[in-house]
Amino acid sequence: MKDMNITTQAFFKKSDKSRQDSLIEDIRGTLREMEAAKSRFDAAADNDLVDASIYEINALSAKYRYLLRLAKEKYG
């Protein structure tokens, strides 16, 4: 467990129901972050802000895919 980050360590120390609830909340939070990033993209007027928004959306999409894959492996 030494190589895992703090969030992952905390996740695996929780009870199964608590882990499932936490994972669901992480997925919902990531979706909210994606919506906010898409709004920033829509409002961006500067090319650098457009680029930053695209990178943020891509990063959040990768996080979302990871969380869904984790949920399917653990609870699906």
Foldseek 3Di string as FASTA:
>chain_A
DVPDDPVVVVLVVDDPVVNLVVLVVVLVVLVVQLVVLVVQCVVDDDPVSVVVSVVSNVVSVVVNVVSVVVCVVSPD
